[in-house]
Amino acid sequence: MRLPSVALVALISAPVALPQHLNPRASFLDVPARQTTLSSTTNPLLLAAIKSLPSCVATPVVPAPPSPMDIPHHYMSRSSGPINPAEAIATRPYADFEHRITEGMNQYLATGNHTEAHCALAQIDTWAQAQALLDYEPRSQSWYQVEWTLGSAAITTSVLVNDPTLDPAQLHRVIAWLDVVSRKDLTFERPEDMNNHHYWRALAATATGVVASDDKLFHFGIDAYKDAIKEIDPAGAFPREMARHENAIHYQGFALQPLILIAEFASRQNIDLYAHQSHHRTLRDAILFYGRAVADPSLVKPYTSDAQKVDFHPNDFAAFNFYDARFTTDGLPPSITDALQQPITETRIGGNTTVLATK
């Protein structure tokens, strides 16, 4: 599935179009304003989160993984049941990459350290020059991994572009690579591919669309968000996620993470997706259902008779830091508000979301 090397080099070397209607430095947050907030905060939670931040500079470079990508399926059989231990081994380089780049970006945001920003960009460029994330089978675990790692890299880059000390040539290579990877990532979608993976691919496309000023990618993300709102049923559930047997609640939350980030990116381009509704339902309805189901798993019994896994981790709630920053936690279930009382990190949506969003 690899693009011909000559064609790929041409794509990465070609100038990135910069239409005027997208602000390529808007990111999913106002970087200068956030840096000002973090530099003067007295919030104990934020101070603890900043103090706990790891360093990109202090960790080794993560080489690009072998190509073609060959990642075993997450589950041993179908879409539920025992998890395949071989998957964790195969995905270790991708997890290490995501951690290193978000660590550098988080450090730059919290401390203004340009060396950390340079480190994060150089790490992404290592993979860009290796043409990573471009050789895999569609509708495979490798394809899913692309959407998550690509999203992490694009989100990270959307913050880094605000550092004027970055190497322009390196930044250009990275942005061009993100654009190529995202466009290929979307080519395998089918009309029936409308579950959480659709939303994760959309987040990667949205973030890439912003930094590359790629209108097509950006609007794919906007449309996918609207697709998700159409899916919400009267109870607030995503029916396709409710079909995931013992993991129904987990997948409801998993689907919400990219959607909240898409809404944050859109808001910075003056598009209010949080207000978007279908059948009088908005994203908040899905958030409320998730929080209530975490506290009372019996809420999913109308969808599945399987006993629910309730091994929720604080990181499962990471995206709600952004929602809280925008709307406060008023009216949200305690299962959500309680989880936000500690520093939370999720590399697929930018790293330490307490640092990124908490007021």
Protein backbone atom coordinates (compact mmCIF):
# COMPACT_ATOMS: atom_id res chain seq x y z
CA MET A 1 0.00 0.00 0.00
CA ARG A 2 3.03 2.30 0.03
CA LEU A 3 3.00 5.35 -2.21
CA PRO A 4 5.77 5.33 -4.83
CA SER A 5 8.79 6.96 -3.23
CA VAL A 6 9.23 9.54 -6.00
CA ALA A 7 5.60 10.58 -5.75
CA LEU A 8 5.78 10.80 -1.98
CA VAL A 9 8.94 12.91 -2.05
CA ALA A 10 7.23 15.24 -4.52
CA LEU A 11 4.20 15.57 -2.24
CA ILE A 12 6.31 16.29 0.83
CA SER A 13 8.48 18.77 -1.07
CA ALA A 14 5.59 20.62 -2.72
CA PRO A 15 4.48 23.90 -1.16
CA VAL A 16 1.49 23.62 1.18
CA ALA A 17 -1.39 25.78 -0.03
CA LEU A 18 -2.47 28.41 2.48
CA PRO A 19 -6.03 29.58 1.76
CA GLN A 20 -7.05 32.57 3.80
CA HIS A 21 -10.15 31.08 5.43
CA LEU A 22 -8.24 28.79 7.84
CA ASN A 23 -5.93 30.12 10.53
CA PRO A 24 -3.06 27.60 10.58
CA ARG A 25 -1.82 28.78 13.99
CA ALA A 26 -5.16 28.69 15.78
CA SER A 27 -4.63 25.16 17.14
CA PHE A 28 -7.28 23.80 19.53
CA LEU A 29 -6.32 26.43 22.09
CA ASP A 30 -4.97 29.96 22.13
CA VAL A 31 -1.29 29.17 22.65
CA PRO A 32 -0.04 32.61 23.82
CA ALA A 33 -3.01 33.03 26.15
CA ARG A 34 -2.52 29.55 27.57
CA GLN A 35 1.16 30.19 28.18
CA THR A 36 0.26 33.37 30.07
CA THR A 37 -2.26 31.47 32.20
CA LEU A 38 0.18 28.68 33.01
CA SER A 39 3.02 31.05 33.87
CA SER A 40 0.95 32.82 36.53
CA THR A 41 -1.38 30.12 37.83
CA THR A 42 -1.86 29.51 41.53
CA ASN A 43 -4.21 26.56 40.99
CA PRO A 44 -2.68 23.65 42.99
CA LEU A 45 -3.97 21.10 40.48
CA LEU A 46 -2.34 22.93 37.58
CA LEU A 47 0.89 23.44 39.48
CA ALA A 48 1.03 19.73 40.29
CA ALA A 49 0.32 18.86 36.65
CA ILE A 50 3.09 21.15 35.40
CA LYS A 51 5.53 19.74 37.93
CA SER A 52 4.73 16.19 36.82
CA LEU A 53 5.42 16.83 33.12
CA PRO A 54 8.06 14.54 31.62
CA SER A 55 10.60 15.91 29.12
CA CYS A 56 11.09 15.19 25.44
CA VAL A 57 14.75 16.21 25.72
CA ALA A 58 15.35 13.74 28.52
CA THR A 59 14.02 10.75 26.57
CA PRO A 60 15.66 8.95 23.63
CA VAL A 61 14.66 9.40 20.01
CA VAL A 62 12.04 6.90 18.88
CA PRO A 63 13.08 5.44 15.51
CA ALA A 64 10.38 5.02 12.89
CA PRO A 65 8.92 1.50 13.10
CA PRO A 66 9.50 -1.06 10.35
CA SER A 67 7.47 -0.78 7.17
CA PRO A 68 5.01 -2.13 6.20
CA MET A 69 3.09 -1.77 9.44
CA ASP A 70 1.98 -5.13 10.84
CA ILE A 71 0.00 -4.76 14.06
CA PRO A 72 -2.03 -7.72 15.37
CA HIS A 73 -5.72 -7.23 16.07
CA HIS A 74 -6.54 -5.72 19.48
CA TYR A 75 -8.88 -8.55 20.43
CA MET A 76 -8.15 -12.24 20.16
CA SER A 77 -11.45 -12.70 18.35
CA ARG A 78 -13.74 -10.19 16.62
CA SER A 79 -14.48 -6.93 18.48
CA SER A 80 -14.69 -7.98 22.12
CA GLY A 81 -13.41 -10.54 24.59
CA PRO A 82 -9.77 -11.24 25.56
CA ILE A 83 -7.17 -8.70 24.42
CA ASN A 84 -4.31 -9.86 22.22
CA PRO A 85 -1.03 -9.35 24.16
CA ALA A 86 0.93 -9.23 20.91
CA GLU A 87 -0.73 -5.94 20.01
CA ALA A 88 0.82 -4.08 22.95
CA ILE A 89 4.28 -5.25 21.91
CA ALA A 90 3.77 -4.17 18.30
CA THR A 91 2.39 -0.76 19.23
CA ARG A 92 5.11 0.16 21.73
CA PRO A 93 7.04 2.37 19.26
CA TYR A 94 3.86 4.29 18.45
CA ALA A 95 3.07 4.83 22.14
CA ASP A 96 6.65 5.95 22.81
CA PHE A 97 6.47 8.36 19.86
CA GLU A 98 3.19 9.86 21.06
CA HIS A 99 4.51 10.28 24.58
CA ARG A 100 7.75 11.95 23.47
CA ILE A 101 6.16 14.47 21.12
CA THR A 102 3.35 15.45 23.48
CA GLU A 103 5.85 15.75 26.34
CA GLY A 104 7.89 18.26 24.36
CA MET A 105 4.81 20.19 23.30
CA ASN A 106 3.39 20.24 26.84
CA GLN A 107 6.73 21.46 28.21
CA TYR A 108 6.87 24.22 25.60
CA LEU A 109 3.33 25.28 26.43
CA ALA A 110 3.88 25.22 30.20
CA THR A 111 7.40 26.63 30.41
CA GLY A 112 8.12 28.31 27.07
CA ASN A 113 11.13 26.03 26.63
CA HIS A 114 12.08 26.26 22.94
CA THR A 115 14.46 23.31 23.22
CA GLU A 116 11.52 21.10 24.15
CA ALA A 117 9.56 22.37 21.15
CA HIS A 118 12.52 21.70 18.86
CA CYS A 119 12.81 18.19 20.32
CA ALA A 120 9.16 17.39 19.64
CA LEU A 121 9.32 18.69 16.08
CA ALA A 122 12.58 16.83 15.37
CA GLN A 123 11.00 13.61 16.63
CA ILE A 124 8.04 14.04 14.29
CA ASP A 125 10.40 14.90 11.44
CA THR A 126 12.29 11.65 12.02
CA TRP A 127 9.12 9.76 11.17
CA ALA A 128 8.23 12.14 8.34
CA GLN A 129 11.55 11.57 6.62
CA ALA A 130 11.13 7.81 7.09
CA GLN A 131 7.71 7.99 5.40
CA ALA A 132 6.11 6.35 8.43
CA LEU A 133 2.37 5.62 8.69
CA LEU A 134 1.99 5.16 4.94
CA ASP A 135 2.36 1.43 4.34
CA TYR A 136 -0.40 -0.73 5.82
CA GLU A 137 -3.50 -2.72 4.99
CA PRO A 138 -6.84 -0.86 5.12
CA ARG A 139 -9.42 -1.82 7.73
CA SER A 140 -6.73 -3.44 9.88
CA GLN A 141 -5.35 -2.71 13.34
CA SER A 142 -2.49 -0.91 11.58
CA TRP A 143 -5.01 1.41 9.92
CA TYR A 144 -6.52 2.18 13.32
CA GLN A 145 -3.07 2.88 14.75
CA VAL A 146 -2.42 5.39 11.97
CA GLU A 147 -5.44 7.48 12.91
CA TRP A 148 -4.37 7.68 16.58
CA THR A 149 -0.67 8.37 16.05
CA LEU A 150 -1.36 10.77 13.19
CA GLY A 151 -3.83 12.64 15.37
CA SER A 152 -1.30 12.92 18.18
CA ALA A 153 1.33 14.27 15.78
CA ALA A 154 -1.04 16.75 14.13
CA ILE A 155 -2.39 18.04 17.46
CA THR A 156 1.18 18.44 18.73
CA THR A 157 2.24 20.28 15.59
CA SER A 158 -0.74 22.62 15.85
CA VAL A 159 0.77 23.98 19.07
CA LEU A 160 4.39 23.87 17.96
CA VAL A 161 3.75 26.06 14.89
CA ASN A 162 3.35 28.95 17.30
CA ASP A 163 7.04 28.77 18.23
CA PRO A 164 8.85 31.24 15.94
CA THR A 165 12.24 29.62 16.62
CA LEU A 166 11.43 26.35 14.84
CA ASP A 167 13.36 25.34 11.71
CA PRO A 168 11.06 26.34 8.79
CA ALA A 169 12.31 23.54 6.52
CA GLN A 170 11.73 20.94 9.19
CA LEU A 171 8.28 22.31 9.94
CA HIS A 172 7.40 22.29 6.24
CA ARG A 173 8.42 18.62 5.91
CA VAL A 174 6.35 17.66 8.93
CA ILE A 175 3.23 19.49 7.78
CA ALA A 176 3.47 18.10 4.27
CA TRP A 177 3.90 14.57 5.67
CA LEU A 178 0.90 14.97 7.97
CA ASP A 179 -1.18 16.06 5.00
CA VAL A 180 -0.13 13.06 2.89
CA VAL A 181 -0.73 10.59 5.73
CA SER A 182 -4.14 12.05 6.56
CA ARG A 183 -5.33 12.05 2.98
CA LYS A 184 -4.33 8.41 2.56
CA ASP A 185 -5.92 7.53 5.91
CA LEU A 186 -9.30 8.70 4.62
CA THR A 187 -9.20 6.93 1.26
CA PHE A 188 -10.26 3.60 2.75
CA GLU A 189 -13.40 4.82 4.49
CA ARG A 190 -16.73 3.27 3.51
CA PRO A 191 -20.24 4.61 4.24
CA GLU A 192 -20.66 1.98 6.94
CA ASP A 193 -17.46 3.05 8.75
CA MET A 194 -19.28 5.41 11.09
CA ASN A 195 -18.23 4.29 14.56
CA ASN A 196 -15.55 5.77 16.81
CA HIS A 197 -12.82 5.16 14.20
CA HIS A 198 -14.60 7.57 11.85
CA TYR A 199 -14.33 10.21 14.57
CA TRP A 200 -10.67 9.49 15.31
CA ARG A 201 -9.78 9.74 11.61
CA ALA A 202 -11.77 12.95 11.55
CA LEU A 203 -9.81 14.41 14.46
CA ALA A 204 -6.54 13.65 12.67
CA ALA A 205 -7.96 15.25 9.52
CA THR A 206 -9.20 18.32 11.40
CA ALA A 207 -5.89 18.97 13.15
CA THR A 208 -3.93 18.35 9.95
CA GLY A 209 -6.34 20.49 7.98
CA VAL A 210 -5.65 23.41 10.31
CA VAL A 211 -1.85 23.25 10.29
CA ALA A 212 -1.70 22.53 6.54
CA SER A 213 -4.56 24.91 5.70
CA ASP A 214 -6.11 21.95 3.90
CA ASP A 215 -9.75 22.90 3.58
CA LYS A 216 -10.81 19.43 2.42
CA LEU A 217 -9.36 17.70 5.48
CA PHE A 218 -10.71 20.30 7.87
CA HIS A 219 -14.23 20.04 6.53
CA PHE A 220 -14.08 16.26 6.58
CA GLY A 221 -13.67 16.62 10.33
CA ILE A 222 -16.58 19.03 10.62
CA ASP A 223 -18.83 16.71 8.63
CA ALA A 224 -17.78 13.69 10.69
CA TYR A 225 -18.70 15.52 13.88
CA LYS A 226 -22.14 16.17 12.42
CA ASP A 227 -22.36 12.49 11.46
CA ALA A 228 -21.76 11.63 15.11
CA ILE A 229 -24.51 13.92 16.38
CA LYS A 230 -26.95 12.23 13.99
CA GLU A 231 -26.02 8.91 15.61
CA ILE A 232 -27.01 9.94 19.15
CA ASP A 233 -30.21 8.18 20.20
CA PRO A 234 -32.90 9.56 22.57
CA ALA A 235 -31.03 8.24 25.62
CA GLY A 236 -27.79 9.93 24.54
CA ALA A 237 -26.05 6.73 23.44
CA PHE A 238 -24.08 6.00 20.27
CA PRO A 239 -25.80 2.79 19.08
CA ARG A 240 -22.72 1.56 17.21
CA GLU A 241 -20.70 1.80 20.42
CA MET A 242 -23.45 0.12 22.42
CA ALA A 243 -22.95 -2.90 20.17
CA ARG A 244 -19.51 -3.52 21.71
CA HIS A 245 -20.78 -6.06 24.26
CA GLU A 246 -18.99 -5.78 27.63
CA ASN A 247 -17.14 -2.66 26.44
CA ALA A 248 -20.19 -0.58 25.49
CA ILE A 249 -19.64 2.12 28.11
CA HIS A 250 -15.94 2.27 27.38
CA TYR A 251 -16.57 2.80 23.69
CA GLN A 252 -19.15 5.50 24.35
CA GLY A 253 -16.41 7.42 26.16
CA PHE A 254 -13.81 6.52 23.54
CA ALA A 255 -16.01 8.02 20.82
CA LEU A 256 -16.41 11.25 22.78
CA GLN A 257 -12.68 11.99 23.02
CA PRO A 258 -12.05 12.90 19.35
CA LEU A 259 -15.40 14.65 19.04
CA ILE A 260 -14.61 17.08 21.86
CA LEU A 261 -11.24 17.88 20.29
CA ILE A 262 -12.82 18.43 16.87
CA ALA A 263 -15.23 20.88 18.50
CA GLU A 264 -12.31 22.70 20.13
CA PHE A 265 -10.43 23.00 16.83
CA ALA A 266 -13.60 24.21 15.11
CA SER A 267 -14.26 26.85 17.77
CA ARG A 268 -10.84 28.36 17.07
CA GLN A 269 -11.92 28.73 13.45
CA ASN A 270 -15.18 30.44 14.57
CA ILE A 271 -17.39 27.36 14.11
CA ASP A 272 -19.53 26.42 17.11
CA LEU A 273 -19.97 22.65 16.85
CA TYR A 274 -21.02 22.31 20.46
CA ALA A 275 -24.26 24.05 19.50
CA HIS A 276 -24.84 21.78 16.52
CA GLN A 277 -27.83 19.52 17.01
CA SER A 278 -29.72 16.76 15.27
CA HIS A 279 -33.16 15.60 16.41
CA HIS A 280 -32.78 18.15 19.24
CA ARG A 281 -29.69 16.37 20.56
CA THR A 282 -26.16 17.75 20.96
CA LEU A 283 -22.85 16.31 22.09
CA ARG A 284 -23.78 17.11 25.68
CA ASP A 285 -26.47 14.43 25.57
CA ALA A 286 -23.82 11.81 24.75
CA ILE A 287 -21.55 13.15 27.49
CA LEU A 288 -24.32 12.95 30.08
CA PHE A 289 -25.22 9.40 29.07
CA TYR A 290 -21.61 8.33 29.40
CA GLY A 291 -21.18 9.86 32.84
CA ARG A 292 -24.41 8.34 34.09
CA ALA A 293 -23.58 4.92 32.65
CA VAL A 294 -20.17 4.93 34.33
CA ALA A 295 -21.99 5.35 37.65
CA ASP A 296 -24.86 3.02 36.74
CA PRO A 297 -23.92 0.39 34.13
CA SER A 298 -27.48 -0.91 34.09
CA LEU A 299 -28.29 1.99 31.75
CA VAL A 300 -26.83 -0.02 28.87
CA LYS A 301 -29.01 -3.07 29.46
CA PRO A 302 -31.46 -2.01 26.75
CA TYR A 303 -28.55 -2.35 24.30
CA THR A 304 -26.66 -5.40 25.55
CA SER A 305 -27.08 -8.13 28.12
CA ASP A 306 -23.33 -8.39 28.67
CA ALA A 307 -22.01 -7.40 32.09
CA GLN A 308 -20.03 -4.22 31.60
CA LYS A 309 -16.35 -3.76 32.28
CA VAL A 310 -16.06 -1.00 34.86
CA ASP A 311 -12.28 -0.70 35.06
CA PHE A 312 -12.32 2.99 34.20
CA HIS A 313 -9.02 4.87 34.29
CA PRO A 314 -8.68 8.64 34.91
CA ASN A 315 -7.30 8.97 31.38
CA ASP A 316 -10.68 7.84 30.04
CA PHE A 317 -11.97 11.25 31.14
CA ALA A 318 -9.13 13.34 29.71
CA ALA A 319 -11.14 15.12 27.02
CA PHE A 320 -13.62 16.44 29.56
CA ASN A 321 -10.99 18.89 30.79
CA PHE A 322 -11.65 20.83 27.58
CA TYR A 323 -15.41 20.63 28.06
CA ASP A 324 -15.08 21.78 31.67
CA ALA A 325 -12.89 24.73 30.65
CA ARG A 326 -15.52 25.88 28.20
CA PHE A 327 -18.78 25.12 30.04
CA THR A 328 -17.73 24.28 33.63
CA THR A 329 -18.83 21.01 35.20
CA ASP A 330 -22.27 22.31 36.17
CA GLY A 331 -24.80 19.56 35.59
CA LEU A 332 -22.22 16.90 34.73
CA PRO A 333 -22.38 13.57 36.58
CA PRO A 334 -19.99 13.19 39.55
CA SER A 335 -18.27 10.32 37.73
CA ILE A 336 -16.86 12.95 35.36
CA THR A 337 -16.27 15.82 37.73
CA ASP A 338 -14.50 13.60 40.29
CA ALA A 339 -12.12 12.25 37.64
CA LEU A 340 -10.96 15.76 36.78
CA GLN A 341 -9.57 16.38 40.26
CA GLN A 342 -6.17 14.95 39.33
CA PRO A 343 -3.69 15.50 36.48
CA ILE A 344 -4.75 13.46 33.45
CA THR A 345 -2.73 12.50 30.38
CA GLU A 346 -3.90 11.05 27.08
CA THR A 347 -1.35 11.26 24.28
CA ARG A 348 -3.91 10.79 21.48
CA ILE A 349 -5.52 14.13 22.36
CA GLY A 350 -2.46 16.22 23.18
CA GLY A 351 -0.89 14.77 26.30
CA ASN A 352 -1.56 16.27 29.72
CA THR A 353 -5.05 17.69 29.29
CA THR A 354 -4.93 19.25 32.76
CA VAL A 355 -2.05 21.42 31.56
CA LEU A 356 -3.76 22.01 28.23
CA ALA A 357 -7.16 23.06 29.53
CA THR A 358 -7.72 23.36 33.29
CA LYS A 359 -8.35 26.92 34.49
